[in-house]
Amino acid sequence: MQNWQVIIVAILKHVAGKSADYGAALDYLKYEHDEVLKKPLLDANGNWVLRRDILLEGINCEPELFDVECEMLNAQYHKNQNYDEIKTHHYLISFDPADKDECGLTGEQAQAIGMEYVKANFPGHQALVCTHMDGHNGSGNIHVHIVINSLRKLDVPQQPFMERPIDCKAGYKHHLTKDYLKHLQQSLMNICLRENLNQVDLLSPSVNKITQQEYYAKQRGQINLDKLNAELVAAGFTPMKTKFQTEKDKLRDAITAAAKKAKSFEEFCRLLQTESNILVKDHRGRFSYLLSDKEKYISARTLGTSFDREHLLTLFESNAITAAKEKQQWSVADPIAVLYIKSNLRLVVNLQDCVKAQQSHAYAQKVKISNLQQMANTIVYVQQHGYDSYEDLKKAHDELSVKMSDARNTAKSTDADLKRLNEKIHYLGQYLSTKVTYKEFLQAGNKKMYRSAHQDEIARYEEAVQFLKRNSTDGTIPTMKDLRAEKEKLLSARTAQYESYTYFKDYYHELQTACRNVDMILETEHTQQHTRTQPKRSHEPSL
């Protein structure tokens, strides 16, 4: 059994393994493997395929006897005997592909760096150091695998990065902490700087953080999707989706889309809730996100710095400044000026032309200036919301009508769930308040007399039990703690749902007004054009 704990930091990776099969690590280093399925590749005869261009050395052990010697040490100290203990630590140093051509990096140099790195940072441990020169997925980058037994074999001098006195003693285990990891990153950066190799800042968080676990989950998902799509194509169907996305991929896309439009944290929360059904929590200066079908929040830290609080609040501020400038440009203080501002949206241009054509006619008929002001407001609204055609505006109106209806139905459904839950809570309270009486009734010597004396309480108890069992999925009586937790969850959901419904309703009324005003402007112009094209009637008598 293995339990993977993954830390990805640019070109330094760490995997903690709980597998008791030390030989599997050696086999992975020596033989070709499917990187997604983690299974050895076979040749035409069914034999494992040796990797080409590898360098393999051992520290404090013979490399080919790594598994045997590790097991002997574990037995000596009675450590790593349980299935849930971390038995190996696998570190990967992956160099920039350009290092090979631009900096002259060779496999031998990389192997020497790996050996130096292990001796400096993992002293006293049994270790395998293996350099692969083929690169992951054919990338061609040289990389060094380091696999150490979690149990230390030898006593070593105390080093500054060792946090505990036992971190230098034989028979104690490798203890990776945040500070230790930072030391490992800094150590690698120093070596790359000394060797004039391309280097990134390993201590800075990743903008778009993809863990190794997520990476391989995406690879497996894509393989399965490709197989399914091949079956659909063979059956004469066109696949709806060709690119597999993990839940975090979908979450990143939703956050990015909402963040582009949001001008404040409140608007960002509303957009994520209404468009993607994702909740946002701002707790202790950190953002975290909850998908609709999950119960556990996903922290921004696991997604990357592009999705954290500091970055997004800066983006919202920038969006607000940009929107304010655009709004100032499209000011309706002078409605006439709005008609002459250049726009790339066809619908705005059409509306401007229509209002210009009506302008002189409106003044000639002494139409109130408020009508012209309302027309200008409509043009500004269409411009600010980017509707390029009347069809776009109408489509947005119709889609919003559906969303508003769905949001209302969802909120009403939650109301019904709450009503049923409150009924359960009522009957559970009735059950608990009469439980003692019913227990005494069961223990009474003369049950008939006891029932007669406590008839009302016993009847209420039996009514409550019957209701609770009838409305339970497994026929058992729930606890008050569970019901109150469920109620709290439903109340939270209902609040969010009614906020969504209110948002959709207000937005729908906005679009409804915009559509009505656009219809009025276009229809008025159409009517005037129709009137101008009609032949004038003669008032002379016909012959």
Protein backbone atom coordinates (compact mmCIF):
# COMPACT_ATOMS: atom_id res chain seq x y z
CA MET A 1 0.00 0.00 0.00
CA GLN A 2 1.20 3.50 -0.84
CA ASN A 3 0.07 6.87 0.33
CA TRP A 4 1.37 9.75 -1.77
CA GLN A 5 2.16 13.13 -0.30
CA VAL A 6 3.27 15.43 -3.08
CA ILE A 7 5.03 18.79 -3.02
CA ILE A 8 5.72 20.40 -6.38
CA VAL A 9 8.14 23.32 -6.47
CA ALA A 10 9.22 24.13 -10.03
CA ILE A 11 12.15 21.72 -10.55
CA LEU A 12 12.25 20.02 -7.14
CA LYS A 13 9.66 17.34 -6.39
CA HIS A 14 9.12 15.19 -3.33
CA VAL A 15 7.03 12.03 -2.89
CA ALA A 16 6.65 10.19 0.41
CA GLY A 17 5.89 6.49 -0.10
CA LYS A 18 4.42 3.96 2.34
CA SER A 19 5.04 0.89 0.20
CA ALA A 20 7.11 -1.81 1.91
CA ASP A 21 8.39 -2.95 -1.51
CA TYR A 22 11.78 -1.22 -1.68
CA GLY A 23 12.55 -3.19 -4.83
CA ALA A 24 9.79 -1.34 -6.69
CA ALA A 25 11.76 1.92 -6.41
CA LEU A 26 14.85 0.25 -7.87
CA ASP A 27 12.78 -1.31 -10.67
CA TYR A 28 11.28 2.09 -11.55
CA LEU A 29 14.74 3.63 -11.87
CA LYS A 30 16.11 0.78 -14.02
CA TYR A 31 13.16 -0.18 -16.25
CA GLU A 32 10.85 1.74 -18.61
CA HIS A 33 7.45 2.54 -17.05
CA ASP A 34 4.14 3.96 -18.21
CA GLU A 35 4.27 7.31 -16.39
CA VAL A 36 0.47 7.52 -16.10
CA LEU A 37 -0.38 3.97 -15.08
CA LYS A 38 2.91 3.45 -13.20
CA LYS A 39 3.33 0.00 -14.74
CA PRO A 40 6.47 -1.44 -16.38
CA LEU A 41 6.52 -1.52 -20.19
CA LEU A 42 7.00 -4.89 -21.88
CA ASP A 43 8.78 -5.85 -25.09
CA ALA A 44 7.42 -8.23 -27.74
CA ASN A 45 8.43 -11.21 -25.59
CA GLY A 46 6.75 -9.89 -22.45
CA ASN A 47 10.01 -8.91 -20.75
CA TRP A 48 10.64 -5.66 -18.91
CA VAL A 49 12.50 -3.05 -20.95
CA LEU A 50 15.71 -1.59 -19.51
CA ARG A 51 16.01 2.19 -19.58
CA ARG A 52 18.72 3.62 -21.80
CA ASP A 53 21.19 6.35 -20.83
CA ILE A 54 21.00 6.05 -17.06
CA LEU A 55 23.60 6.40 -14.31
CA LEU A 56 22.94 4.61 -11.00
CA GLU A 57 24.91 4.84 -7.74
CA GLY A 58 24.26 4.05 -4.09
CA ILE A 59 25.21 5.89 -0.91
CA ASN A 60 25.61 3.85 2.29
CA CYS A 61 24.40 0.81 0.33
CA GLU A 62 25.03 -1.28 -2.77
CA PRO A 63 22.56 0.02 -5.39
CA GLU A 64 21.49 -3.44 -6.57
CA LEU A 65 20.94 -4.53 -2.94
CA PHE A 66 19.07 -1.38 -1.87
CA ASP A 67 15.88 -3.26 -0.98
CA VAL A 68 17.63 -5.98 1.05
CA GLU A 69 19.84 -3.58 2.99
CA CYS A 70 16.95 -1.23 3.81
CA GLU A 71 14.84 -4.11 5.12
CA MET A 72 17.76 -5.33 7.26
CA LEU A 73 18.20 -1.87 8.80
CA ASN A 74 14.46 -1.57 9.48
CA ALA A 75 14.49 -4.94 11.24
CA GLN A 76 17.51 -3.92 13.32
CA TYR A 77 15.75 -0.83 14.72
CA HIS A 78 12.21 -2.29 14.60
CA LYS A 79 11.07 0.63 12.43
CA ASN A 80 9.02 0.80 9.20
CA GLN A 81 7.18 -2.39 10.17
CA ASN A 82 3.62 -0.98 9.93
CA TYR A 83 1.69 -0.38 6.72
CA ASP A 84 0.99 3.30 7.48
CA GLU A 85 4.61 4.31 8.11
CA ILE A 86 6.47 6.36 5.50
CA LYS A 87 9.27 4.09 4.31
CA THR A 88 10.88 5.99 1.44
CA HIS A 89 11.33 9.57 0.31
CA HIS A 90 11.67 10.13 -3.42
CA TYR A 91 13.15 13.47 -4.52
CA LEU A 92 13.43 14.52 -8.16
CA ILE A 93 15.76 17.22 -9.46
CA SER A 94 14.61 18.17 -12.95
CA PHE A 95 16.90 20.48 -14.93
CA ASP A 96 15.83 22.95 -17.61
CA PRO A 97 15.89 21.31 -21.09
CA ALA A 98 17.96 24.30 -22.28
CA ASP A 99 20.74 23.39 -19.81
CA LYS A 100 21.80 20.57 -22.10
CA ASP A 101 22.41 22.76 -25.17
CA GLU A 102 23.04 26.22 -23.73
CA CYS A 103 25.03 25.31 -20.60
CA GLY A 104 26.63 22.03 -21.68
CA LEU A 105 25.03 19.97 -18.90
CA THR A 106 25.89 16.26 -19.19
CA GLY A 107 24.49 13.21 -17.49
CA GLU A 108 27.75 12.74 -15.60
CA GLN A 109 27.62 16.33 -14.29
CA ALA A 110 23.99 15.90 -13.23
CA GLN A 111 24.85 12.65 -11.46
CA ALA A 112 27.70 14.37 -9.60
CA ILE A 113 25.30 17.15 -8.55
CA GLY A 114 22.85 14.53 -7.29
CA MET A 115 25.52 12.73 -5.26
CA GLU A 116 26.70 16.03 -3.75
CA TYR A 117 23.12 17.02 -2.96
CA VAL A 118 22.38 13.76 -1.12
CA LYS A 119 25.57 13.79 0.92
CA ALA A 120 24.96 17.40 1.97
CA ASN A 121 21.24 17.22 2.70
CA PHE A 122 20.46 13.58 3.63
CA PRO A 123 23.60 12.48 5.49
CA GLY A 124 23.56 9.03 7.09
CA HIS A 125 20.70 7.69 4.94
CA GLN A 126 20.82 4.78 2.51
CA ALA A 127 20.16 6.36 -0.88
CA LEU A 128 19.89 5.61 -4.59
CA VAL A 129 20.98 8.36 -6.98
CA CYS A 130 19.95 7.75 -10.59
CA THR A 131 20.23 10.13 -13.54
CA HIS A 132 17.87 9.74 -16.52
CA MET A 133 18.82 11.56 -19.71
CA ASP A 134 15.65 10.93 -21.73
CA GLY A 135 13.36 13.46 -20.05
CA HIS A 136 9.73 13.08 -19.04
CA ASN A 137 7.33 12.57 -21.98
CA GLY A 138 10.22 12.95 -24.41
CA SER A 139 11.08 16.47 -23.24
CA GLY A 140 14.80 15.67 -23.29
CA ASN A 141 15.56 17.33 -19.98
CA ILE A 142 18.10 15.61 -17.76
CA HIS A 143 16.76 14.74 -14.32
CA VAL A 144 18.07 13.03 -11.20
CA HIS A 145 16.04 10.65 -9.02
CA ILE A 146 16.99 10.40 -5.34
CA VAL A 147 15.37 7.63 -3.26
CA ILE A 148 16.27 7.41 0.43
CA ASN A 149 15.25 5.00 3.17
CA SER A 150 13.27 7.03 5.69
CA LEU A 151 15.33 5.44 8.50
CA ARG A 152 18.81 6.88 9.09
CA LYS A 153 21.63 4.30 9.05
CA LEU A 154 24.57 6.26 10.51
CA ASP A 155 25.23 8.88 13.16
CA VAL A 156 26.31 12.15 11.52
CA PRO A 157 27.46 15.57 12.76
CA GLN A 158 24.69 18.02 13.66
CA GLN A 159 23.90 20.38 10.74
CA PRO A 160 22.24 23.84 10.91
CA PHE A 161 19.18 22.65 8.96
CA MET A 162 18.51 19.83 11.47
CA GLU A 163 15.71 20.96 13.77
CA ARG A 164 15.83 18.19 16.41
CA PRO A 165 18.74 16.57 18.26
CA ILE A 166 17.67 13.16 16.93
CA ASP A 167 17.90 14.36 13.30
CA CYS A 168 21.57 13.38 13.29
CA LYS A 169 21.22 10.02 15.10
CA ALA A 170 21.07 6.54 13.57
CA GLY A 171 17.78 4.70 14.00
CA TYR A 172 15.65 7.84 13.64
CA LYS A 173 13.59 8.85 10.64
CA HIS A 174 13.83 11.59 8.01
CA HIS A 175 11.62 14.47 9.13
CA LEU A 176 10.60 16.89 6.36
CA THR A 177 9.22 20.23 7.55
CA LYS A 178 8.48 23.51 5.75
CA ASP A 179 11.77 25.01 6.91
CA TYR A 180 13.68 21.89 5.88
CA LEU A 181 12.02 22.02 2.45
CA LYS A 182 13.03 25.67 2.05
CA HIS A 183 16.60 24.67 2.91
CA LEU A 184 16.48 21.93 0.23
CA GLN A 185 15.20 24.42 -2.34
CA GLN A 186 17.82 27.01 -1.46
CA SER A 187 20.55 24.35 -1.58
CA LEU A 188 19.53 23.37 -5.11
CA MET A 189 19.36 27.01 -6.21
CA ASN A 190 22.89 27.58 -4.89
CA ILE A 191 24.25 24.59 -6.82
CA CYS A 192 22.55 25.70 -10.06
CA LEU A 193 23.93 29.22 -9.60
CA ARG A 194 27.43 27.86 -9.01
CA GLU A 195 27.22 25.61 -12.10
CA ASN A 196 25.81 28.47 -14.26
CA LEU A 197 22.62 26.52 -14.98
CA ASN A 198 19.23 28.05 -15.76
CA GLN A 199 17.41 28.67 -12.51
CA VAL A 200 13.98 29.69 -11.27
CA ASP A 201 13.14 31.01 -7.83
CA LEU A 202 12.05 27.84 -6.05
CA LEU A 203 11.04 29.79 -2.95
CA SER A 204 8.30 31.75 -4.75
CA PRO A 205 4.86 30.11 -4.91
CA SER A 206 3.62 28.87 -8.28
CA VAL A 207 1.21 31.08 -10.23
CA ASN A 208 -0.74 28.03 -11.41
CA LYS A 209 0.04 25.17 -9.06
CA ILE A 210 -0.40 21.66 -10.49
CA THR A 211 0.50 18.88 -8.08
CA GLN A 212 1.89 15.61 -9.36
CA GLN A 213 -1.26 13.87 -8.17
CA GLU A 214 -3.45 16.24 -10.20
CA TYR A 215 -1.14 15.99 -13.21
CA TYR A 216 -1.41 12.20 -13.41
CA ALA A 217 -5.14 12.27 -12.65
CA LYS A 218 -5.54 14.53 -15.69
CA GLN A 219 -3.42 12.19 -17.82
CA ARG A 220 -5.51 9.16 -16.81
CA GLY A 221 -8.74 11.07 -17.34
CA GLN A 222 -7.66 12.12 -20.83
CA ILE A 223 -6.77 8.52 -21.76
CA ASN A 224 -10.19 7.29 -20.58
CA LEU A 225 -11.97 10.13 -22.39
CA ASP A 226 -10.08 9.39 -25.62
CA LYS A 227 -11.13 5.73 -25.42
CA LEU A 228 -14.76 6.69 -24.84
CA ASN A 229 -14.70 9.19 -27.71
CA ALA A 230 -13.19 6.59 -30.04
CA GLU A 231 -16.14 4.32 -29.28
CA LEU A 232 -18.58 7.17 -29.95
CA VAL A 233 -16.92 8.02 -33.27
CA ALA A 234 -16.98 4.35 -34.29
CA ALA A 235 -20.71 4.30 -33.54
CA GLY A 236 -21.25 7.37 -35.73
CA PHE A 237 -21.59 9.98 -32.97
CA THR A 238 -19.68 13.23 -32.48
CA PRO A 239 -18.07 13.54 -29.02
CA MET A 240 -19.28 16.53 -27.01
CA LYS A 241 -16.03 16.87 -25.07
CA THR A 242 -12.50 16.11 -26.23
CA LYS A 243 -10.44 17.68 -23.42
CA PHE A 244 -10.54 16.22 -19.92
CA GLN A 245 -10.57 18.64 -17.00
CA THR A 246 -10.00 17.92 -13.34
CA GLU A 247 -12.22 19.57 -10.74
CA LYS A 248 -9.44 22.03 -10.00
CA ASP A 249 -9.15 22.84 -13.74
CA LYS A 250 -12.86 23.68 -13.83
CA LEU A 251 -12.51 25.70 -10.63
CA ARG A 252 -9.57 27.69 -12.04
CA ASP A 253 -11.52 28.44 -15.25
CA ALA A 254 -14.58 29.59 -13.29
CA ILE A 255 -12.52 31.82 -10.98
CA THR A 256 -10.63 33.33 -13.93
CA ALA A 257 -13.87 34.07 -15.82
CA ALA A 258 -15.51 35.71 -12.79
CA ALA A 259 -12.38 37.65 -11.81
CA LYS A 260 -12.16 39.25 -15.27
CA LYS A 261 -15.58 40.85 -14.78
CA ALA A 262 -15.71 41.49 -11.03
CA LYS A 263 -15.00 44.97 -9.68
CA SER A 264 -15.29 44.00 -6.01
CA PHE A 265 -15.11 40.94 -3.77
CA GLU A 266 -18.90 41.00 -3.33
CA GLU A 267 -19.47 40.99 -7.10
CA PHE A 268 -16.88 38.20 -7.48
CA CYS A 269 -18.74 36.05 -4.94
CA ARG A 270 -22.05 36.74 -6.66
CA LEU A 271 -20.70 35.89 -10.12
CA LEU A 272 -19.16 32.61 -8.96
CA GLN A 273 -22.36 31.67 -7.15
CA THR A 274 -24.73 32.55 -9.98
CA GLU A 275 -22.66 31.41 -12.96
CA SER A 276 -20.84 28.36 -11.56
CA ASN A 277 -22.59 27.56 -8.26
CA ILE A 278 -19.30 27.99 -6.36
CA LEU A 279 -19.12 29.54 -2.88
CA VAL A 280 -16.20 31.72 -1.75
CA LYS A 281 -14.95 32.06 1.82
CA ASP A 282 -12.59 34.77 3.04
CA HIS A 283 -11.09 33.46 6.28
CA ARG A 284 -7.97 34.69 8.03
CA GLY A 285 -6.80 36.57 4.96
CA ARG A 286 -7.15 33.58 2.63
CA PHE A 287 -9.68 32.66 -0.03
CA SER A 288 -11.10 29.16 -0.32
CA TYR A 289 -13.72 27.78 -2.71
CA LEU A 290 -16.53 25.23 -2.36
CA LEU A 291 -17.87 23.31 -5.36
CA SER A 292 -21.60 22.60 -5.35
CA ASP A 293 -21.22 18.82 -4.98
CA LYS A 294 -18.50 18.95 -2.32
CA GLU A 295 -18.45 19.51 1.44
CA LYS A 296 -14.80 20.53 1.83
CA TYR A 297 -13.43 23.89 0.68
CA ILE A 298 -10.44 24.02 -1.70
CA SER A 299 -7.89 26.60 -0.57
CA ALA A 300 -6.50 29.14 -3.03
CA ARG A 301 -3.01 28.07 -1.97
CA THR A 302 -3.51 24.68 -3.69
CA LEU A 303 -4.57 26.38 -6.95
CA GLY A 304 -1.74 28.89 -7.33
CA THR A 305 -1.07 32.55 -6.60
CA SER A 306 -3.34 33.68 -9.46
CA PHE A 307 -6.29 32.61 -7.31
CA ASP A 308 -5.26 33.94 -3.91
CA ARG A 309 -6.71 36.89 -2.03
CA GLU A 310 -3.94 39.41 -2.68
CA HIS A 311 -3.84 38.86 -6.45
CA LEU A 312 -7.62 38.87 -6.92
CA LEU A 313 -8.27 41.97 -4.79
CA THR A 314 -5.65 43.81 -6.86
CA LEU A 315 -7.39 42.63 -10.04
CA PHE A 316 -10.81 43.76 -8.76
CA GLU A 317 -9.40 47.22 -8.02
CA SER A 318 -7.93 47.41 -11.52
CA ASN A 319 -11.25 46.33 -13.05
CA ALA A 320 -13.09 48.99 -11.05
CA ILE A 321 -10.72 51.73 -12.26
CA THR A 322 -11.09 50.60 -15.89
CA ALA A 323 -14.89 50.47 -15.59
CA ALA A 324 -14.98 53.94 -14.03
CA LYS A 325 -12.94 55.38 -16.91
CA GLU A 326 -15.21 53.75 -19.47
CA LYS A 327 -18.30 54.91 -17.62
CA GLN A 328 -16.93 58.46 -17.54
CA GLN A 329 -16.35 58.32 -21.29
CA TRP A 330 -19.90 57.14 -21.85
CA SER A 331 -21.38 59.73 -19.51
CA VAL A 332 -25.02 60.67 -20.02
CA ALA A 333 -24.65 64.17 -18.56
CA ASP A 334 -24.99 65.37 -22.15
CA PRO A 335 -27.23 62.86 -23.98
CA ILE A 336 -26.38 64.42 -27.34
CA ALA A 337 -22.66 63.66 -26.84
CA VAL A 338 -23.44 59.96 -26.35
CA LEU A 339 -24.73 59.82 -29.91
CA TYR A 340 -21.30 60.77 -31.32
CA ILE A 341 -18.96 58.55 -29.28
CA LYS A 342 -17.37 55.90 -31.50
CA SER A 343 -18.30 52.29 -30.74
CA ASN A 344 -17.31 48.92 -32.24
CA LEU A 345 -20.64 47.34 -31.33
CA ARG A 346 -23.10 47.15 -34.22
CA LEU A 347 -26.16 47.50 -32.02
CA VAL A 348 -24.80 50.69 -30.42
CA VAL A 349 -24.08 52.18 -33.84
CA ASN A 350 -27.60 51.29 -35.03
CA LEU A 351 -29.16 52.86 -31.95
CA GLN A 352 -27.04 56.01 -32.33
CA ASP A 353 -28.12 56.36 -35.96
CA CYS A 354 -31.78 55.86 -35.06
CA VAL A 355 -31.72 58.45 -32.27
CA LYS A 356 -29.86 60.96 -34.48
CA ALA A 357 -32.56 60.56 -37.09
CA GLN A 358 -35.22 61.18 -34.45
CA GLN A 359 -33.39 64.07 -32.79
CA SER A 360 -34.60 66.96 -34.97
CA HIS A 361 -38.07 65.46 -35.18
CA ALA A 362 -38.24 65.21 -31.41
CA TYR A 363 -37.37 68.87 -30.93
CA ALA A 364 -39.75 69.88 -33.68
CA GLN A 365 -42.55 68.09 -31.84
CA LYS A 366 -41.33 69.52 -28.50
CA VAL A 367 -40.84 66.04 -27.11
CA LYS A 368 -39.53 66.10 -23.54
CA ILE A 369 -35.76 65.97 -23.21
CA SER A 370 -36.22 63.11 -20.70
CA ASN A 371 -37.04 60.81 -23.64
CA LEU A 372 -33.72 61.65 -25.25
CA GLN A 373 -32.01 61.13 -21.90
CA GLN A 374 -33.62 57.68 -21.63
CA MET A 375 -32.44 56.79 -25.12
CA ALA A 376 -28.91 57.85 -24.22
CA ASN A 377 -29.06 55.72 -21.07
CA THR A 378 -30.06 52.73 -23.18
CA ILE A 379 -27.17 53.24 -25.59
CA VAL A 380 -24.72 53.51 -22.69
CA TYR A 381 -26.13 50.31 -21.13
CA VAL A 382 -25.75 48.35 -24.38
CA GLN A 383 -22.19 49.65 -24.82
CA GLN A 384 -21.12 48.85 -21.26
CA HIS A 385 -22.48 45.30 -21.46
CA GLY A 386 -20.99 44.60 -24.88
CA TYR A 387 -24.12 43.59 -26.82
CA ASP A 388 -23.07 43.56 -30.47
CA SER A 389 -26.51 42.87 -31.95
CA TYR A 390 -30.16 42.87 -31.02
CA GLU A 391 -30.03 39.07 -31.14
CA ASP A 392 -27.26 39.08 -28.49
CA LEU A 393 -29.37 41.30 -26.24
CA LYS A 394 -32.47 39.14 -26.71
CA LYS A 395 -30.49 35.93 -26.12
CA ALA A 396 -29.08 37.31 -22.86
CA HIS A 397 -32.61 38.32 -21.83
CA ASP A 398 -34.03 34.85 -22.54
CA GLU A 399 -31.13 33.02 -20.86
CA LEU A 400 -31.50 35.19 -17.78
CA SER A 401 -35.21 34.46 -17.66
CA VAL A 402 -34.42 30.73 -17.51
CA LYS A 403 -31.73 31.26 -14.85
CA MET A 404 -34.10 33.37 -12.77
CA SER A 405 -36.78 30.68 -12.98
CA ASP A 406 -34.30 27.91 -12.09
CA ALA A 407 -32.96 29.93 -9.15
CA ARG A 408 -36.48 30.53 -7.86
CA ASN A 409 -37.37 26.83 -8.19
CA THR A 410 -34.15 25.80 -6.42
CA ALA A 411 -34.83 28.19 -3.54
CA LYS A 412 -38.45 26.96 -3.28
CA SER A 413 -37.21 23.36 -3.23
CA THR A 414 -34.84 24.20 -0.37
CA ASP A 415 -37.75 25.88 1.44
CA ALA A 416 -39.71 22.64 1.13
CA ASP A 417 -36.72 20.66 2.43
CA LEU A 418 -36.46 23.02 5.40
CA LYS A 419 -40.15 22.65 6.14
CA ARG A 420 -39.82 18.85 6.18
CA LEU A 421 -36.68 19.09 8.31
CA ASN A 422 -38.37 21.39 10.83
CA GLU A 423 -41.15 18.83 11.07
CA LYS A 424 -38.55 16.15 11.84
CA ILE A 425 -37.00 18.36 14.51
CA HIS A 426 -40.45 18.93 16.00
CA TYR A 427 -41.20 15.22 16.20
CA LEU A 428 -37.70 14.40 17.46
CA GLY A 429 -38.23 16.89 20.29
CA GLN A 430 -41.59 15.24 20.98
CA TYR A 431 -39.87 11.83 20.99
CA LEU A 432 -37.13 12.94 23.39
CA SER A 433 -39.56 14.63 25.80
CA THR A 434 -41.72 11.48 26.10
CA LYS A 435 -38.97 8.88 25.89
CA VAL A 436 -38.57 8.52 29.68
CA THR A 437 -42.30 8.04 30.16
CA TYR A 438 -42.43 5.35 27.51
CA LYS A 439 -39.40 3.59 29.03
CA GLU A 440 -41.15 3.58 32.42
CA PHE A 441 -44.26 2.19 30.69
CA LEU A 442 -42.25 -0.73 29.29
CA GLN A 443 -40.86 -1.46 32.77
CA ALA A 444 -44.19 -1.04 34.59
CA GLY A 445 -45.71 -4.10 36.28
CA ASN A 446 -49.25 -3.08 35.36
CA LYS A 447 -48.89 -1.67 31.84
CA LYS A 448 -52.62 -1.19 31.37
CA MET A 449 -52.90 1.04 34.42
CA TYR A 450 -49.72 2.97 33.53
CA ARG A 451 -50.91 3.54 29.94
CA SER A 452 -54.25 4.75 31.23
CA ALA A 453 -52.52 7.24 33.53
CA HIS A 454 -50.09 8.48 30.86
CA GLN A 455 -52.15 7.93 27.73
CA ASP A 456 -51.43 11.30 26.14
CA GLU A 457 -47.63 11.13 26.56
CA ILE A 458 -47.43 7.54 25.31
CA ALA A 459 -49.57 8.41 22.28
CA ARG A 460 -47.30 11.35 21.48
CA TYR A 461 -44.22 9.12 21.81
CA GLU A 462 -45.65 6.48 19.46
CA GLU A 463 -46.73 9.16 16.98
CA ALA A 464 -43.20 10.65 16.98
CA VAL A 465 -41.50 7.25 16.54
CA GLN A 466 -43.81 6.34 13.68
CA PHE A 467 -43.19 9.66 11.90
CA LEU A 468 -39.40 9.60 12.37
CA LYS A 469 -39.00 6.03 11.13
CA ARG A 470 -41.32 6.64 8.19
CA ASN A 471 -39.28 9.68 7.12
CA SER A 472 -35.85 8.09 7.64
CA THR A 473 -33.93 6.52 4.77
CA ASP A 474 -32.75 3.58 6.89
CA GLY A 475 -35.66 3.39 9.32
CA THR A 476 -33.66 4.68 12.28
CA ILE A 477 -34.29 7.70 14.50
CA PRO A 478 -31.86 10.57 13.77
CA THR A 479 -29.99 12.56 16.39
CA MET A 480 -30.76 16.19 17.14
CA LYS A 481 -27.13 17.06 16.38
CA ASP A 482 -27.42 15.64 12.85
CA LEU A 483 -30.72 17.40 12.18
CA ARG A 484 -29.43 20.75 13.42
CA ALA A 485 -26.29 20.38 11.30
CA GLU A 486 -28.47 19.60 8.27
CA LYS A 487 -30.68 22.60 9.04
CA GLU A 488 -27.68 24.91 9.30
CA LYS A 489 -26.48 23.66 5.93
CA LEU A 490 -29.91 24.15 4.35
CA LEU A 491 -30.27 27.64 5.83
CA SER A 492 -26.88 28.61 4.41
CA ALA A 493 -27.84 27.17 1.02
CA ARG A 494 -31.21 28.94 1.06
CA THR A 495 -29.59 32.30 1.83
CA ALA A 496 -27.19 31.88 -1.09
CA GLN A 497 -30.00 30.68 -3.38
CA TYR A 498 -32.26 33.63 -2.60
CA GLU A 499 -29.33 35.99 -3.13
CA SER A 500 -28.83 34.37 -6.54
CA TYR A 501 -32.53 34.65 -7.32
CA THR A 502 -32.61 38.33 -6.29
CA TYR A 503 -29.54 39.03 -8.42
CA PHE A 504 -31.06 37.28 -11.45
CA LYS A 505 -34.41 39.02 -10.91
CA ASP A 506 -32.86 42.50 -10.72
CA TYR A 507 -30.62 41.78 -13.70
CA TYR A 508 -33.61 40.40 -15.63
CA HIS A 509 -35.63 43.57 -15.00
CA GLU A 510 -32.64 45.60 -16.20
CA LEU A 511 -32.48 43.63 -19.44
CA GLN A 512 -36.25 43.73 -19.80
CA THR A 513 -36.13 47.54 -19.64
CA ALA A 514 -33.19 47.64 -22.06
CA CYS A 515 -35.00 45.39 -24.55
CA ARG A 516 -38.15 47.48 -24.30
CA ASN A 517 -36.22 50.72 -24.86
CA VAL A 518 -34.26 49.27 -27.79
CA ASP A 519 -37.51 48.03 -29.32
CA MET A 520 -38.97 51.52 -28.91
CA ILE A 521 -35.97 53.24 -30.52
CA LEU A 522 -35.77 50.85 -33.46
CA GLU A 523 -39.54 50.70 -33.94
CA THR A 524 -39.88 54.51 -33.86
CA GLU A 525 -37.21 54.85 -36.52
CA HIS A 526 -38.86 52.14 -38.60
CA THR A 527 -42.22 53.92 -38.32
CA GLN A 528 -40.70 57.26 -39.35
CA GLN A 529 -38.98 55.68 -42.35
CA HIS A 530 -42.24 54.01 -43.34
CA THR A 531 -44.06 57.36 -43.07
CA ARG A 532 -41.44 59.15 -45.17
CA THR A 533 -41.71 56.56 -47.95
CA GLN A 534 -45.55 56.82 -48.19
CA PRO A 535 -46.75 58.93 -51.23
CA LYS A 536 -48.44 62.18 -50.32
CA ARG A 537 -52.19 62.12 -50.79
CA SER A 538 -53.65 64.73 -53.10
CA HIS A 539 -56.40 66.92 -51.70
CA GLU A 540 -57.64 67.79 -55.17
CA PRO A 541 -60.84 66.12 -56.31
CA SER A 542 -60.27 63.15 -58.51
CA LEU A 543 -61.38 63.16 -62.01
